[in-house]
PDB file of N, CA and C in Angstrom:
ATOM      1  N   UNK A   1      16.283-119.809   9.484  1.00  0.00           N
ATOM      2  CA  UNK A   1      15.709-119.288   8.315  1.00  0.00           C
ATOM      3  C   UNK A   1      14.938-120.412   7.733  1.00  0.00           C
ATOM      4  N   UNK A   2      13.438-120.082   7.112  1.00  0.00           N
ATOM      5  CA  UNK A   2      12.620-120.998   6.906  1.00  0.00           C
ATOM      6  C   UNK A   2      12.928-121.494   5.274  1.00  0.00           C
ATOM      7  N   UNK A   3      12.050-122.422   5.154  1.00  0.00           N
ATOM      8  CA  UNK A   3      11.926-123.338   3.940  1.00  0.00           C
ATOM      9  C   UNK A   3      12.244-121.900   2.665  1.00  0.00           C
ATOM     10  N   UNK A   4      11.030-121.377   2.957  1.00  0.00           N
ATOM     11  CA  UNK A   4      10.363-120.150   2.028  1.00  0.00           C
ATOM     12  C   UNK A   4      11.708-119.225   1.820  1.00  0.00           C
ATOM     13  N   UNK A   5      12.018-118.808   2.852  1.00  0.00           N
ATOM     14  CA  UNK A   5      12.744-117.582   2.920  1.00  0.00           C
ATOM     15  C   UNK A   5      14.250-118.325   2.058  1.00  0.00           C
ATOM     16  N   UNK A   6      14.730-119.207   2.528  1.00  0.00           N
ATOM     17  CA  UNK A   6      16.067-119.941   1.611  1.00  0.00           C
ATOM     18  C   UNK A   6      15.502-120.300  -0.054  1.00  0.00           C
ATOM     19  N   UNK A   7      14.448-120.397  -0.135  1.00  0.00           N
ATOM     20  CA  UNK A   7      14.151-120.626  -1.628  1.00  0.00           C
ATOM     21  C   UNK A   7      13.982-119.304  -2.164  1.00  0.00           C
ATOM     22  N   UNK A   8      13.074-118.258  -1.500  1.00  0.00           N
ATOM     23  CA  UNK A   8      13.261-116.757  -2.101  1.00  0.00           C
ATOM     24  C   UNK A   8      15.210-116.380  -2.524  1.00  0.00           C
ATOM     25  N   UNK A   9      15.634-116.865  -1.579  1.00  0.00           N
ATOM     26  CA  UNK A   9      17.029-116.115  -1.514  1.00  0.00           C
ATOM     27  C   UNK A   9      17.892-116.719  -2.948  1.00  0.00           C
ATOM     28  N   UNK A  10      17.179-118.190  -3.011  1.00  0.00           N
ATOM     29  CA  UNK A  10      18.284-118.742  -4.445  1.00  0.00           C
ATOM     30  C   UNK A  10      17.514-117.904  -5.477  1.00  0.00           C
ATOM     31  N   UNK A  11      16.160-118.034  -5.540  1.00  0.00           N
ATOM     32  CA  UNK A  11      15.694-117.310  -6.838  1.00  0.00           C
ATOM     33  C   UNK A  11      15.973-115.980  -7.098  1.00  0.00           C
ATOM     34  N   UNK A  12      16.103-115.179  -6.041  1.00  0.00           N
ATOM     35  CA  UNK A  12      16.726-113.804  -6.199  1.00  0.00           C
ATOM     36  C   UNK A  12      18.149-113.818  -6.799  1.00  0.00           C
ATOM     37  N   UNK A  13      18.513-114.271  -6.163  1.00  0.00           N
ATOM     38  CA  UNK A  13      19.939-114.331  -6.648  1.00  0.00           C
ATOM     39  C   UNK A  13      20.355-114.894  -8.382  1.00  0.00           C
ATOM     40  N   UNK A  14      19.440-115.906  -8.491  1.00  0.00           N
ATOM     41  CA  UNK A  14      19.306-116.675 -10.164  1.00  0.00           C
ATOM     42  C   UNK A  14      18.712-116.311 -11.044  1.00  0.00           C
ATOM     43  N   UNK A  15      17.545-115.283 -10.851  1.00  0.00           N
ATOM     44  CA  UNK A  15      16.628-115.000 -11.884  1.00  0.00           C
ATOM     45  C   UNK A  15      16.623-113.857 -11.922  1.00  0.00           C
ATOM     46  N   UNK A  16      16.237-112.951 -12.741  1.00  0.00           N
ATOM     47  CA  UNK A  16      16.142-111.835 -13.327  1.00  0.00           C
ATOM     48  C   UNK A  16      14.885-110.949 -13.054  1.00  0.00           C
ATOM     49  N   UNK A  17      13.991-111.960 -11.626  1.00  0.00           N
ATOM     50  CA  UNK A  17      12.616-111.225 -11.655  1.00  0.00           C
ATOM     51  C   UNK A  17      12.550-109.816 -11.097  1.00  0.00           C
ATOM     52  N   UNK A  18      11.496-109.051 -11.389  1.00  0.00           N
ATOM     53  CA  UNK A  18      11.639-108.009 -10.715  1.00  0.00           C
ATOM     54  C   UNK A  18      11.344-108.136  -9.272  1.00  0.00           C
ATOM     55  N   UNK A  19      11.672-107.071  -7.828  1.00  0.00           N
ATOM     56  CA  UNK A  19      11.158-107.526  -6.701  1.00  0.00           C
ATOM     57  C   UNK A  19       9.902-107.914  -6.186  1.00  0.00           C
ATOM     58  N   UNK A  20       8.812-107.117  -7.144  1.00  0.00           N
ATOM     59  CA  UNK A  20       7.587-107.096  -7.352  1.00  0.00           C
ATOM     60  C   UNK A  20       6.746-108.631  -7.525  1.00  0.00           C
ATOM     61  N   UNK A  21       7.763-108.939  -8.847  1.00  0.00           N
ATOM     62  CA  UNK A  21       7.019-110.474  -9.245  1.00  0.00           C
ATOM     63  C   UNK A  21       7.479-111.244  -8.385  1.00  0.00           C
ATOM     64  N   UNK A  22       8.920-111.307  -7.587  1.00  0.00           N
ATOM     65  CA  UNK A  22       9.138-112.102  -6.895  1.00  0.00           C
ATOM     66  C   UNK A  22       8.097-112.468  -5.514  1.00  0.00           C
ATOM     67  N   UNK A  23       7.842-110.992  -4.937  1.00  0.00           N
ATOM     68  CA  UNK A  23       6.987-110.590  -4.008  1.00  0.00           C
ATOM     69  C   UNK A  23       5.407-111.678  -4.270  1.00  0.00           C
ATOM     70  N   UNK A  24       5.049-111.040  -5.454  1.00  0.00           N
ATOM     71  CA  UNK A  24       4.147-111.948  -5.806  1.00  0.00           C
ATOM     72  C   UNK A  24       3.861-113.313  -5.622  1.00  0.00           C
ATOM     73  N   UNK A  25       4.652-113.857  -6.522  1.00  0.00           N
ATOM     74  CA  UNK A  25       5.088-115.653  -6.432  1.00  0.00           C
ATOM     75  C   UNK A  25       5.089-115.835  -5.040  1.00  0.00           C
ATOM     76  N   UNK A  26       5.938-115.781  -4.121  1.00  0.00           N
ATOM     77  CA  UNK A  26       6.165-115.985  -2.723  1.00  0.00           C
ATOM     78  C   UNK A  26       4.757-115.439  -2.022  1.00  0.00           C
ATOM     79  N   UNK A  27       3.934-114.879  -2.387  1.00  0.00           N
ATOM     80  CA  UNK A  27       3.053-114.641  -1.304  1.00  0.00           C
ATOM     81  C   UNK A  27       1.601-115.402  -1.891  1.00  0.00           C
ATOM     82  N   UNK A  28       1.511-115.531  -3.143  1.00  0.00           N
ATOM     83  CA  UNK A  28       0.504-116.055  -3.854  1.00  0.00           C
ATOM     84  C   UNK A  28       0.522-117.550  -4.618  1.00  0.00           C
ATOM     85  N   UNK A  29       1.851-118.030  -4.919  1.00  0.00           N
ATOM     86  CA  UNK A  29       1.854-119.285  -5.554  1.00  0.00           C
ATOM     87  C   UNK A  29       2.732-120.443  -4.861  1.00  0.00           C
ATOM     88  N   UNK A  30       3.668-120.114  -4.175  1.00  0.00           N
ATOM     89  CA  UNK A  30       4.894-120.891  -3.425  1.00  0.00           C
ATOM     90  C   UNK A  30       3.988-121.390  -2.250  1.00  0.00           C
ATOM     91  N   UNK A  31       4.321-122.757  -2.666  1.00  0.00           N
ATOM     92  CA  UNK A  31       4.164-123.544  -1.245  1.00  0.00           C
ATOM     93  C   UNK A  31       4.946-124.387  -0.441  1.00  0.00           C
ATOM     94  N   UNK A  32       5.441-124.664   0.352  1.00  0.00           N
ATOM     95  CA  UNK A  32       6.578-125.431   1.194  1.00  0.00           C
ATOM     96  C   UNK A  32       6.568-126.644   0.617  1.00  0.00           C
ATOM     97  N   UNK A  33       5.166-127.203   0.531  1.00  0.00           N
ATOM     98  CA  UNK A  33       5.207-128.516   0.175  1.00  0.00           C
ATOM     99  C   UNK A  33       5.559-128.944  -1.157  1.00  0.00           C
ATOM    100  N   UNK A  34       5.625-127.677  -2.293  1.00  0.00           N
ATOM    101  CA  UNK A  34       6.189-128.291  -3.624  1.00  0.00           C
ATOM    102  C   UNK A  34       7.872-127.811  -3.751  1.00  0.00           C
ATOM    103  N   UNK A  35       8.253-127.274  -2.546  1.00  0.00           N
ATOM    104  CA  UNK A  35       9.707-127.124  -2.745  1.00  0.00           C
ATOM    105  C   UNK A  35      10.744-128.384  -2.478  1.00  0.00           C
ATOM    106  N   UNK A  36      11.626-128.730  -3.440  1.00  0.00           N
ATOM    107  CA  UNK A  36      12.479-129.639  -3.594  1.00  0.00           C
ATOM    108  C   UNK A  36      13.560-129.021  -3.574  1.00  0.00           C
ATOM    109  N   UNK A  37      14.346-129.092  -2.075  1.00  0.00           N
ATOM    110  CA  UNK A  37      15.866-128.373  -2.078  1.00  0.00           C
ATOM    111  C   UNK A  37      16.815-129.504  -1.750  1.00  0.00           C
ATOM    112  N   UNK A  38      18.101-128.878  -1.989  1.00  0.00           N
ATOM    113  CA  UNK A  38      19.228-129.524  -1.606  1.00  0.00           C
ATOM    114  C   UNK A  38      20.274-128.726  -0.616  1.00  0.00           C
ATOM    115  N   UNK A  39      20.835-129.232   0.417  1.00  0.00           N
ATOM    116  CA  UNK A  39      21.642-128.417   1.360  1.00  0.00           C
ATOM    117  C   UNK A  39      23.087-129.022   1.153  1.00  0.00           C
ATOM    118  N   UNK A  40      24.068-128.364   0.900  1.00  0.00           N
ATOM    119  CA  UNK A  40      25.517-128.501   1.237  1.00  0.00           C
ATOM    120  C   UNK A  40      25.738-127.624   1.970  1.00  0.00           C
ATOM    121  N   UNK A  41      27.111-127.947   3.023  1.00  0.00           N
ATOM    122  CA  UNK A  41      27.585-127.258   3.857  1.00  0.00           C
ATOM    123  C   UNK A  41      26.999-126.591   4.839  1.00  0.00           C
ATOM    124  N   UNK A  42      25.959-127.618   5.209  1.00  0.00           N
ATOM    125  CA  UNK A  42      24.727-127.019   6.175  1.00  0.00           C
ATOM    126  C   UNK A  42      24.015-125.954   5.690  1.00  0.00           C
ATOM    127  N   UNK A  43      23.636-125.654   4.275  1.00  0.00           N
ATOM    128  CA  UNK A  43      23.576-124.490   3.500  1.00  0.00           C
ATOM    129  C   UNK A  43      22.126-125.230   2.414  1.00  0.00           C
ATOM    130  N   UNK A  44      21.422-124.392   1.985  1.00  0.00           N
ATOM    131  CA  UNK A  44      20.420-124.830   1.206  1.00  0.00           C
ATOM    132  C   UNK A  44      21.186-124.017  -0.259  1.00  0.00           C
ATOM    133  N   UNK A  45      21.416-124.741  -0.998  1.00  0.00           N
ATOM    134  CA  UNK A  45      22.063-124.197  -2.408  1.00  0.00           C
ATOM    135  C   UNK A  45      21.434-124.173  -3.516  1.00  0.00           C
ATOM    136  N   UNK A  46      20.383-125.242  -3.541  1.00  0.00           N
ATOM    137  CA  UNK A  46      19.881-125.500  -4.920  1.00  0.00           C
ATOM    138  C   UNK A  46      18.257-125.692  -4.677  1.00  0.00           C
ATOM    139  N   UNK A  47      17.076-125.157  -5.311  1.00  0.00           N
ATOM    140  CA  UNK A  47      15.905-125.261  -5.394  1.00  0.00           C
ATOM    141  C   UNK A  47      15.276-125.434  -6.475  1.00  0.00           C
ATOM    142  N   UNK A  48      14.267-125.866  -6.342  1.00  0.00           N
ATOM    143  CA  UNK A  48      13.221-126.006  -7.512  1.00  0.00           C
ATOM    144  C   UNK A  48      11.631-126.122  -6.991  1.00  0.00           C
ATOM    145  N   UNK A  49      10.650-125.965  -7.832  1.00  0.00           N
ATOM    146  CA  UNK A  49       9.260-125.875  -7.177  1.00  0.00           C
ATOM    147  C   UNK A  49       9.040-127.041  -8.035  1.00  0.00           C
ATOM    148  N   UNK A  50       8.317-128.094  -7.571  1.00  0.00           N
ATOM    149  CA  UNK A  50       7.254-129.154  -8.083  1.00  0.00           C
ATOM    150  C   UNK A  50       5.795-129.428  -7.861  1.00  0.00           C
ATOM    151  N   UNK A  51       5.102-128.291  -8.792  1.00  0.00           N
ATOM    152  CA  UNK A  51       3.979-127.773  -8.845  1.00  0.00           C
ATOM    153  C   UNK A  51       3.096-128.969  -9.588  1.00  0.00           C
ATOM    154  N   UNK A  52       1.952-129.661  -8.502  1.00  0.00           N
ATOM    155  CA  UNK A  52       1.070-130.199  -9.370  1.00  0.00           C
ATOM    156  C   UNK A  52      -0.427-129.707  -9.974  1.00  0.00           C
ATOM    157  N   UNK A  53      -0.762-130.086 -11.250  1.00  0.00           N
ATOM    158  CA  UNK A  53      -1.789-130.017 -11.672  1.00  0.00           C
ATOM    159  C   UNK A  53      -2.486-130.933 -12.496  1.00  0.00           C
ATOM    160  N   UNK A  54      -3.923-130.591 -12.580  1.00  0.00           N
ATOM    161  CA  UNK A  54      -4.415-131.576 -13.360  1.00  0.00           C
ATOM    162  C   UNK A  54      -4.657-130.907 -14.971  1.00  0.00           C
ATOM    163  N   UNK A  55      -4.328-131.969 -15.935  1.00  0.00           N
ATOM    164  CA  UNK A  55      -4.322-131.858 -17.430  1.00  0.00           C
ATOM    165  C   UNK A  55      -5.617-132.664 -18.242  1.00  0.00           C
ATOM    166  N   UNK A  56      -5.800-132.480 -19.063  1.00  0.00           N
ATOM    167  CA  UNK A  56      -6.764-132.777 -19.836  1.00  0.00           C
ATOM    168  C   UNK A  56      -5.969-133.483 -20.891  1.00  0.00           C
ATOM    169  N   UNK A  57      -5.648-134.613 -21.011  1.00  0.00           N
ATOM    170  CA  UNK A  57      -5.278-135.464 -22.244  1.00  0.00           C
ATOM    171  C   UNK A  57      -5.943-136.093 -22.882  1.00  0.00           C
ATOM    172  N   UNK A  58      -6.379-135.662 -24.225  1.00  0.00           N
ATOM    173  CA  UNK A  58      -7.145-136.745 -24.830  1.00  0.00           C
ATOM    174  C   UNK A  58      -8.487-137.224 -24.209  1.00  0.00           C
ATOM    175  N   UNK A  59      -9.140-136.071 -23.509  1.00  0.00           N
ATOM    176  CA  UNK A  59     -10.368-136.148 -22.721  1.00  0.00           C
ATOM    177  C   UNK A  59     -10.378-136.817 -21.160  1.00  0.00           C
ATOM    178  N   UNK A  60      -9.102-137.308 -20.970  1.00  0.00           N
ATOM    179  CA  UNK A  60      -8.957-137.620 -19.883  1.00  0.00           C
ATOM    180  C   UNK A  60      -7.977-136.855 -18.672  1.00  0.00           C
ATOM    181  N   UNK A  61      -8.962-136.584 -17.685  1.00  0.00           N
ATOM    182  CA  UNK A  61      -7.787-135.930 -16.787  1.00  0.00           C
ATOM    183  C   UNK A  61      -6.565-136.422 -15.998  1.00  0.00           C
ATOM    184  N   UNK A  62      -5.615-136.029 -15.883  1.00  0.00           N
ATOM    185  CA  UNK A  62      -4.397-136.708 -15.512  1.00  0.00           C
ATOM    186  C   UNK A  62      -3.699-135.717 -14.615  1.00  0.00           C
ATOM    187  N   UNK A  63      -2.773-136.531 -13.637  1.00  0.00           N
ATOM    188  CA  UNK A  63      -2.030-135.517 -12.865  1.00  0.00           C
ATOM    189  C   UNK A  63      -0.926-135.347 -13.513  1.00  0.00           C
ATOM    190  N   UNK A  64      -0.302-133.870 -13.317  1.00  0.00           N
ATOM    191  CA  UNK A  64       1.031-133.779 -13.959  1.00  0.00           C
ATOM    192  C   UNK A  64       1.869-132.511 -12.932  1.00  0.00           C
ATOM    193  N   UNK A  65       2.830-132.803 -13.119  1.00  0.00           N
ATOM    194  CA  UNK A  65       3.859-132.091 -12.690  1.00  0.00           C
ATOM    195  C   UNK A  65       4.723-130.893 -13.177  1.00  0.00           C
ATOM    196  N   UNK A  66       5.013-129.955 -13.056  1.00  0.00           N
ATOM    197  CA  UNK A  66       5.560-128.929 -13.554  1.00  0.00           C
ATOM    198  C   UNK A  66       6.673-128.323 -12.725  1.00  0.00           C
ATOM    199  N   UNK A  67       7.963-128.615 -13.254  1.00  0.00           N
ATOM    200  CA  UNK A  67       9.153-127.968 -12.414  1.00  0.00           C
ATOM    201  C   UNK A  67       9.483-126.806 -12.598  1.00  0.00           C
ATOM    202  N   UNK A  68       9.454-125.717 -11.601  1.00  0.00           N
ATOM    203  CA  UNK A  68       9.613-124.255 -12.061  1.00  0.00           C
ATOM    204  C   UNK A  68      10.863-123.930 -11.463  1.00  0.00           C
ATOM    205  N   UNK A  69      11.450-122.937 -11.300  1.00  0.00           N
ATOM    206  CA  UNK A  69      12.616-121.954 -10.497  1.00  0.00           C
ATOM    207  C   UNK A  69      13.637-122.879 -10.202  1.00  0.00           C
ATOM    208  N   UNK A  70      14.050-123.832 -11.160  1.00  0.00           N
ATOM    209  CA  UNK A  70      14.897-124.825 -11.031  1.00  0.00           C
ATOM    210  C   UNK A  70      16.418-123.714 -11.033  1.00  0.00           C
ATOM    211  N   UNK A  71      17.116-123.723  -9.552  1.00  0.00           N
ATOM    212  CA  UNK A  71      17.928-122.628  -9.328  1.00  0.00           C
ATOM    213  C   UNK A  71      19.348-123.243  -8.306  1.00  0.00           C
ATOM    214  N   UNK A  72      20.711-123.107  -8.659  1.00  0.00           N
ATOM    215  CA  UNK A  72      21.583-123.398  -8.040  1.00  0.00           C
ATOM    216  C   UNK A  72      22.624-122.108  -7.480  1.00  0.00           C
ATOM    217  N   UNK A  73      22.662-121.929  -6.471  1.00  0.00           N
ATOM    218  CA  UNK A  73      23.734-120.807  -6.006  1.00  0.00           C
ATOM    219  C   UNK A  73      24.894-121.209  -6.859  1.00  0.00           C
ATOM    220  N   UNK A  74      25.748-119.744  -7.429  1.00  0.00           N
ATOM    221  CA  UNK A  74      26.662-119.712  -8.179  1.00  0.00           C
ATOM    222  C   UNK A  74      28.084-120.670  -7.581  1.00  0.00           C
ATOM    223  N   UNK A  75      28.378-120.639  -6.461  1.00  0.00           N
ATOM    224  CA  UNK A  75      29.289-120.950  -5.925  1.00  0.00           C
ATOM    225  C   UNK A  75      29.282-122.946  -5.902  1.00  0.00           C
ATOM    226  N   UNK A  76      28.032-123.301  -6.478  1.00  0.00           N
ATOM    227  CA  UNK A  76      28.225-124.813  -6.390  1.00  0.00           C
ATOM    228  C   UNK A  76      27.509-125.316  -7.666  1.00  0.00           C
ATOM    229  N   UNK A  77      27.609-124.589  -8.695  1.00  0.00           N
ATOM    230  CA  UNK A  77      27.318-124.867  -9.865  1.00  0.00           C
ATOM    231  C   UNK A  77      28.372-125.739 -10.695  1.00  0.00           C
ATOM    232  N   UNK A  78      27.755-126.643 -11.309  1.00  0.00           N
ATOM    233  CA  UNK A  78      28.857-127.576 -11.780  1.00  0.00           C
ATOM    234  C   UNK A  78      29.146-128.769 -11.120  1.00  0.00           C
ATOM    235  N   UNK A  79      28.406-128.799  -9.761  1.00  0.00           N
ATOM    236  CA  UNK A  79      28.930-130.091  -9.052  1.00  0.00           C
ATOM    237  C   UNK A  79      28.247-130.863  -9.039  1.00  0.00           C
ATOM    238  N   UNK A  80      26.857-131.140  -9.716  1.00  0.00           N
ATOM    239  CA  UNK A  80      25.847-132.139  -9.798  1.00  0.00           C
ATOM    240  C   UNK A  80      24.802-131.732  -8.713  1.00  0.00           C
ATOM    241  N   UNK A  81      24.865-130.871  -8.405  1.00  0.00           N
ATOM    242  CA  UNK A  81      23.601-130.324  -7.490  1.00  0.00           C
ATOM    243  C   UNK A  81      21.807-130.489  -8.441  1.00  0.00           C
ATOM    244  N   UNK A  82      22.201-129.933  -9.859  1.00  0.00           N
ATOM    245  CA  UNK A  82      20.976-129.919  -9.753  1.00  0.00           C
ATOM    246  C   UNK A  82      20.502-131.035 -10.586  1.00  0.00           C
ATOM    247  N   UNK A  83      21.295-132.008 -11.109  1.00  0.00           N
ATOM    248  CA  UNK A  83      21.472-133.543 -11.613  1.00  0.00           C
ATOM    249  C   UNK A  83      20.514-134.052  -9.931  1.00  0.00           C
ATOM    250  N   UNK A  84      21.283-133.660  -9.001  1.00  0.00           N
ATOM    251  CA  UNK A  84      20.579-134.791  -7.920  1.00  0.00           C
ATOM    252  C   UNK A  84      19.288-133.970  -7.644  1.00  0.00           C
ATOM    253  N   UNK A  85      19.245-133.018  -7.821  1.00  0.00           N
ATOM    254  CA  UNK A  85      17.703-132.427  -6.936  1.00  0.00           C
ATOM    255  C   UNK A  85      16.712-132.788  -8.212  1.00  0.00           C
ATOM    256  N   UNK A  86      17.075-133.039  -9.654  1.00  0.00           N
ATOM    257  CA  UNK A  86      15.868-133.407 -10.413  1.00  0.00           C
ATOM    258  C   UNK A  86      16.066-134.732 -10.517  1.00  0.00           C
ATOM    259  N   UNK A  87      16.579-135.626 -10.133  1.00  0.00           N
ATOM    260  CA  UNK A  87      16.105-136.946  -9.528  1.00  0.00           C
ATOM    261  C   UNK A  87      15.556-137.068  -8.471  1.00  0.00           C
ATOM    262  N   UNK A  88      15.513-136.287  -7.391  1.00  0.00           N
ATOM    263  CA  UNK A  88      14.665-136.363  -6.356  1.00  0.00           C
ATOM    264  C   UNK A  88      13.250-135.972  -6.772  1.00  0.00           C
ATOM    265  N   UNK A  89      13.535-134.812  -7.560  1.00  0.00           N
ATOM    266  CA  UNK A  89      11.848-134.218  -8.096  1.00  0.00           C
ATOM    267  C   UNK A  89      11.096-135.088  -8.959  1.00  0.00           C
ATOM    268  N   UNK A  90      11.601-135.879  -9.717  1.00  0.00           N
ATOM    269  CA  UNK A  90      11.397-136.973 -10.838  1.00  0.00           C
ATOM    270  C   UNK A  90      10.540-138.093  -9.796  1.00  0.00           C
ATOM    271  N   UNK A  91      11.614-138.229  -8.740  1.00  0.00           N
ATOM    272  CA  UNK A  91      10.947-139.595  -8.066  1.00  0.00           C
ATOM    273  C   UNK A  91       9.715-139.117  -7.161  1.00  0.00           C
ATOM    274  N   UNK A  92       9.497-137.870  -6.475  1.00  0.00           N
ATOM    275  CA  UNK A  92       8.659-137.622  -5.777  1.00  0.00           C
ATOM    276  C   UNK A  92       7.282-137.327  -6.604  1.00  0.00           C
ATOM    277  N   UNK A  93       7.883-136.977  -7.885  1.00  0.00           N
ATOM    278  CA  UNK A  93       6.570-136.695  -9.007  1.00  0.00           C
ATOM    279  C   UNK A  93       6.007-138.229  -9.141  1.00  0.00           C
ATOM    280  N   UNK A  94       6.665-139.058  -9.403  1.00  0.00           N
ATOM    281  CA  UNK A  94       6.314-140.638  -9.724  1.00  0.00           C
ATOM    282  C   UNK A  94       5.313-140.839  -8.668  1.00  0.00           C
ATOM    283  N   UNK A  95       6.186-140.907  -7.409  1.00  0.00           N
ATOM    284  CA  UNK A  95       5.458-141.552  -6.293  1.00  0.00           C
ATOM    285  C   UNK A  95       4.149-140.896  -6.015  1.00  0.00           C
ATOM    286  N   UNK A  96       3.636-139.585  -6.208  1.00  0.00           N
ATOM    287  CA  UNK A  96       2.550-138.619  -5.873  1.00  0.00           C
ATOM    288  C   UNK A  96       1.741-139.329  -7.021  1.00  0.00           C
ATOM    289  N   UNK A  97       2.165-139.879  -7.739  1.00  0.00           N
ATOM    290  CA  UNK A  97       1.209-140.379  -8.932  1.00  0.00           C
ATOM    291  C   UNK A  97       1.008-139.529 -10.297  1.00  0.00           C
ATOM    292  N   UNK A  98       1.840-138.380 -10.397  1.00  0.00           N
ATOM    293  CA  UNK A  98       2.043-137.740 -12.076  1.00  0.00           C
ATOM    294  C   UNK A  98       2.497-138.650 -13.095  1.00  0.00           C
ATOM    295  N   UNK A  99       1.272-138.470 -13.771  1.00  0.00           N
ATOM    296  CA  UNK A  99       1.330-139.227 -15.342  1.00  0.00           C
ATOM    297  C   UNK A  99       2.635-138.604 -16.069  1.00  0.00           C
ATOM    298  N   UNK A 100       3.154-137.366 -16.069  1.00  0.00           N
ATOM    299  CA  UNK A 100       3.964-136.710 -16.863  1.00  0.00           C
ATOM    300  C   UNK A 100       4.530-135.606 -15.616  1.00  0.00           C
ATOM    301  N   UNK A 101       6.063-135.160 -16.242  1.00  0.00           N
ATOM    302  CA  UNK A 101       6.496-133.934 -15.596  1.00  0.00           C
ATOM    303  C   UNK A 101       7.209-133.064 -16.378  1.00  0.00           C
ATOM    304  N   UNK A 102       6.752-132.017 -16.396  1.00  0.00           N
ATOM    305  CA  UNK A 102       6.950-130.932 -17.493  1.00  0.00           C
ATOM    306  C   UNK A 102       7.666-130.014 -17.030  1.00  0.00           C
ATOM    307  N   UNK A 103       8.674-129.390 -17.798  1.00  0.00           N
ATOM    308  CA  UNK A 103       9.371-127.861 -17.184  1.00  0.00           C
ATOM    309  C   UNK A 103       9.582-127.192 -18.805  1.00  0.00           C
ATOM    310  N   UNK A 104       9.845-125.855 -18.415  1.00  0.00           N
ATOM    311  CA  UNK A 104      10.094-125.254 -19.567  1.00  0.00           C
ATOM    312  C   UNK A 104      11.505-124.364 -19.464  1.00  0.00           C
ATOM    313  N   UNK A 105      12.466-125.137 -20.224  1.00  0.00           N
ATOM    314  CA  UNK A 105      13.798-124.454 -19.983  1.00  0.00           C
ATOM    315  C   UNK A 105      13.766-122.905 -19.965  1.00  0.00           C
ATOM    316  N   UNK A 106      14.941-122.360 -19.259  1.00  0.00           N
ATOM    317  CA  UNK A 106      14.911-120.791 -18.959  1.00  0.00           C
ATOM    318  C   UNK A 106      15.807-120.349 -20.423  1.00  0.00           C
ATOM    319  N   UNK A 107      16.338-120.836 -20.946  1.00  0.00           N
ATOM    320  CA  UNK A 107      17.039-120.776 -22.356  1.00  0.00           C
ATOM    321  C   UNK A 107      17.620-121.901 -22.798  1.00  0.00           C
ATOM    322  N   UNK A 108      17.956-121.606 -24.056  1.00  0.00           N
ATOM    323  CA  UNK A 108      18.349-122.447 -25.025  1.00  0.00           C
ATOM    324  C   UNK A 108      19.570-123.274 -24.825  1.00  0.00           C
ATOM    325  N   UNK A 109      20.381-122.687 -23.787  1.00  0.00           N
ATOM    326  CA  UNK A 109      21.382-123.709 -23.343  1.00  0.00           C
ATOM    327  C   UNK A 109      21.109-124.649 -22.322  1.00  0.00           C
ATOM    328  N   UNK A 110      19.441-124.829 -21.480  1.00  0.00           N
ATOM    329  CA  UNK A 110      19.553-125.684 -21.025  1.00  0.00           C
ATOM    330  C   UNK A 110      18.736-127.262 -21.659  1.00  0.00           C
ATOM    331  N   UNK A 111      18.578-127.012 -22.877  1.00  0.00           N
ATOM    332  CA  UNK A 111      17.792-127.877 -23.713  1.00  0.00           C
ATOM    333  C   UNK A 111      18.620-129.443 -23.358  1.00  0.00           C
ATOM    334  N   UNK A 112      20.069-129.216 -23.586  1.00  0.00           N
ATOM    335  CA  UNK A 112      20.731-130.499 -23.794  1.00  0.00           C
ATOM    336  C   UNK A 112      20.683-130.832 -21.892  1.00  0.00           C
ATOM    337  N   UNK A 113      20.761-130.135 -20.985  1.00  0.00           N
ATOM    338  CA  UNK A 113      20.937-130.825 -19.811  1.00  0.00           C
ATOM    339  C   UNK A 113      19.639-131.445 -19.609  1.00  0.00           C
ATOM    340  N   UNK A 114      18.442-131.031 -19.386  1.00  0.00           N
ATOM    341  CA  UNK A 114      17.288-131.377 -19.151  1.00  0.00           C
ATOM    342  C   UNK A 114      17.269-132.667 -20.033  1.00  0.00           C
ATOM    343  N   UNK A 115      17.400-132.475 -21.530  1.00  0.00           N
ATOM    344  CA  UNK A 115      17.219-133.685 -22.222  1.00  0.00           C
ATOM    345  C   UNK A 115      18.348-135.215 -21.834  1.00  0.00           C
ATOM    346  N   UNK A 116      19.486-134.544 -21.353  1.00  0.00           N
ATOM    347  CA  UNK A 116      20.167-136.147 -20.692  1.00  0.00           C
ATOM    348  C   UNK A 116      19.627-136.506 -19.189  1.00  0.00           C
ATOM    349  N   UNK A 117      18.365-135.646 -18.879  1.00  0.00           N
ATOM    350  CA  UNK A 117      18.159-136.127 -17.186  1.00  0.00           C
ATOM    351  C   UNK A 117      16.521-136.778 -17.457  1.00  0.00           C
ATOM    352  N   UNK A 118      15.986-136.557 -19.229  1.00  0.00           N
ATOM    353  CA  UNK A 118      14.921-137.656 -19.556  1.00  0.00           C
ATOM    354  C   UNK A 118      13.789-136.922 -20.390  1.00  0.00           C
ATOM    355  N   UNK A 119      14.193-135.606 -20.219  1.00  0.00           N
ATOM    356  CA  UNK A 119      13.025-134.648 -20.800  1.00  0.00           C
ATOM    357  C   UNK A 119      13.208-134.633 -22.333  1.00  0.00           C
TER     358      UNK A 119
END
């Protein structure tokens, strides 16, 4: 199975998006080079997208990372997968020159989790 297929499988299990929206995202937006993934037991169990955008900040264009679709398969939740994956993503964001890295938590319960990771 390709990286794209694995990420799509995780996304479909973890989010309530319609099949039409998922089809659009994975045909129009998804890029393999923006996928950050984690494997356990020879299986991809956690994934996120680390997209890069140019952002105007006080009149200057800067590179910004945007994390979306951060998800872990249910049997692997609570085992540190997302913490490890977010650490990988933030290192990649820094190495490629992003000045900031942002995300929008999917629900109120995630604010503390992301705050503990430096957001």
